[in-house]
């Protein structure tokens, strides 16, 4: 695949996220919500890979809440 192919994939993934298409998890931080795709998060960061492992409660939940005093919505 070319660099342009990768850019197109990322642009489409971002479009899907912004339009809440096939998002399988929502993060709530304070009064803000952030729809996301678990697969993309797991592929990008080990933190999310661990969070969504089978033994974690976040694996079964579609809404994950973060304490706004620990995680900033910005």
C-alpha atoms as a PDB file:
ATOM      1  CA  UNK A   1       0.000   0.000   0.000  1.00  0.00           C
ATOM      2  CA  UNK A   2       1.145   3.492  -0.714  1.00  0.00           C
ATOM      3  CA  UNK A   3       1.435   6.358   1.739  1.00  0.00           C
ATOM      4  CA  UNK A   4      -1.639   7.884   0.106  1.00  0.00           C
ATOM      5  CA  UNK A   5      -3.598   4.657   0.781  1.00  0.00           C
ATOM      6  CA  UNK A   6      -2.691   4.867   4.473  1.00  0.00           C
ATOM      7  CA  UNK A   7      -3.731   8.522   4.610  1.00  0.00           C
ATOM      8  CA  UNK A   8      -7.075   7.683   3.046  1.00  0.00           C
ATOM      9  CA  UNK A   9      -7.672   4.901   5.576  1.00  0.00           C
ATOM     10  CA  UNK A  10      -6.905   7.234   8.469  1.00  0.00           C
ATOM     11  CA  UNK A  11      -9.150   9.945   7.046  1.00  0.00           C
ATOM     12  CA  UNK A  12     -12.016   7.481   6.649  1.00  0.00           C
ATOM     13  CA  UNK A  13     -11.519   6.109  10.164  1.00  0.00           C
ATOM     14  CA  UNK A  14     -11.633   9.643  11.535  1.00  0.00           C
ATOM     15  CA  UNK A  15     -14.795  10.370   9.520  1.00  0.00           C
ATOM     16  CA  UNK A  16     -16.431   7.227  10.945  1.00  0.00           C
ATOM     17  CA  UNK A  17     -15.447   8.253  14.481  1.00  0.00           C
ATOM     18  CA  UNK A  18     -16.742  11.821  14.066  1.00  0.00           C
ATOM     19  CA  UNK A  19     -20.035  10.529  12.639  1.00  0.00           C
ATOM     20  CA  UNK A  20     -20.247   7.805  15.311  1.00  0.00           C
ATOM     21  CA  UNK A  21     -20.292   5.060  12.677  1.00  0.00           C
ATOM     22  CA  UNK A  22     -19.611   1.586  14.123  1.00  0.00           C
ATOM     23  CA  UNK A  23     -18.099   3.035  17.306  1.00  0.00           C
ATOM     24  CA  UNK A  24     -18.144   0.326  19.954  1.00  0.00           C
ATOM     25  CA  UNK A  25     -17.091   2.323  23.005  1.00  0.00           C
ATOM     26  CA  UNK A  26     -17.795   5.786  24.384  1.00  0.00           C
ATOM     27  CA  UNK A  27     -15.548   7.549  26.859  1.00  0.00           C
ATOM     28  CA  UNK A  28     -17.203   9.953  29.282  1.00  0.00           C
ATOM     29  CA  UNK A  29     -15.047  12.567  30.947  1.00  0.00           C
ATOM     30  CA  UNK A  30     -16.990  15.083  32.970  1.00  0.00           C
ATOM     31  CA  UNK A  31     -19.804  16.286  30.707  1.00  0.00           C
ATOM     32  CA  UNK A  32     -18.076  15.354  27.439  1.00  0.00           C
ATOM     33  CA  UNK A  33     -18.361  12.139  25.459  1.00  0.00           C
ATOM     34  CA  UNK A  34     -15.878  10.664  23.003  1.00  0.00           C
ATOM     35  CA  UNK A  35     -17.023   7.836  20.702  1.00  0.00           C
ATOM     36  CA  UNK A  36     -14.239   5.502  19.602  1.00  0.00           C
ATOM     37  CA  UNK A  37     -13.328   2.192  18.006  1.00  0.00           C
ATOM     38  CA  UNK A  38     -11.736  -0.303  20.389  1.00  0.00           C
ATOM     39  CA  UNK A  39      -9.716  -1.932  17.622  1.00  0.00           C
ATOM     40  CA  UNK A  40      -8.088   1.351  16.600  1.00  0.00           C
ATOM     41  CA  UNK A  41      -7.310   2.271  20.209  1.00  0.00           C
ATOM     42  CA  UNK A  42      -5.836  -1.152  20.922  1.00  0.00           C
ATOM     43  CA  UNK A  43      -3.716  -1.010  17.789  1.00  0.00           C
ATOM     44  CA  UNK A  44      -2.350   2.423  18.673  1.00  0.00           C
ATOM     45  CA  UNK A  45      -1.698   2.243  22.421  1.00  0.00           C
ATOM     46  CA  UNK A  46      -0.717  -0.523  24.822  1.00  0.00           C
ATOM     47  CA  UNK A  47      -2.751   1.249  27.549  1.00  0.00           C
ATOM     48  CA  UNK A  48      -5.989   0.560  25.652  1.00  0.00           C
ATOM     49  CA  UNK A  49      -4.881  -2.922  24.651  1.00  0.00           C
ATOM     50  CA  UNK A  50      -4.571  -3.763  28.356  1.00  0.00           C
ATOM     51  CA  UNK A  51      -7.797  -1.931  29.237  1.00  0.00           C
ATOM     52  CA  UNK A  52      -9.831  -3.992  26.786  1.00  0.00           C
ATOM     53  CA  UNK A  53      -8.387  -7.392  27.718  1.00  0.00           C
ATOM     54  CA  UNK A  54     -10.863 -10.118  28.638  1.00  0.00           C
ATOM     55  CA  UNK A  55     -10.435  -9.782  32.414  1.00  0.00           C
ATOM     56  CA  UNK A  56     -11.096  -6.055  32.538  1.00  0.00           C
ATOM     57  CA  UNK A  57     -14.596  -4.652  33.135  1.00  0.00           C
ATOM     58  CA  UNK A  58     -14.156  -2.232  30.183  1.00  0.00           C
ATOM     59  CA  UNK A  59     -14.227  -5.234  27.819  1.00  0.00           C
ATOM     60  CA  UNK A  60     -17.937  -5.702  28.524  1.00  0.00           C
ATOM     61  CA  UNK A  61     -18.975  -2.064  28.933  1.00  0.00           C
ATOM     62  CA  UNK A  62     -19.852   0.222  26.043  1.00  0.00           C
ATOM     63  CA  UNK A  63     -19.328   3.344  28.180  1.00  0.00           C
ATOM     64  CA  UNK A  64     -16.071   3.963  30.022  1.00  0.00           C
ATOM     65  CA  UNK A  65     -15.982   6.812  32.533  1.00  0.00           C
ATOM     66  CA  UNK A  66     -12.820   8.682  33.452  1.00  0.00           C
ATOM     67  CA  UNK A  67     -12.493  10.955  36.470  1.00  0.00           C
ATOM     68  CA  UNK A  68     -12.137  14.523  35.082  1.00  0.00           C
ATOM     69  CA  UNK A  69      -9.757  15.342  37.927  1.00  0.00           C
ATOM     70  CA  UNK A  70      -7.353  12.691  36.592  1.00  0.00           C
ATOM     71  CA  UNK A  71      -8.054  12.793  32.850  1.00  0.00           C
ATOM     72  CA  UNK A  72      -8.774  16.114  31.163  1.00  0.00           C
ATOM     73  CA  UNK A  73     -11.405  16.112  28.407  1.00  0.00           C
ATOM     74  CA  UNK A  74      -9.160  18.509  26.512  1.00  0.00           C
END
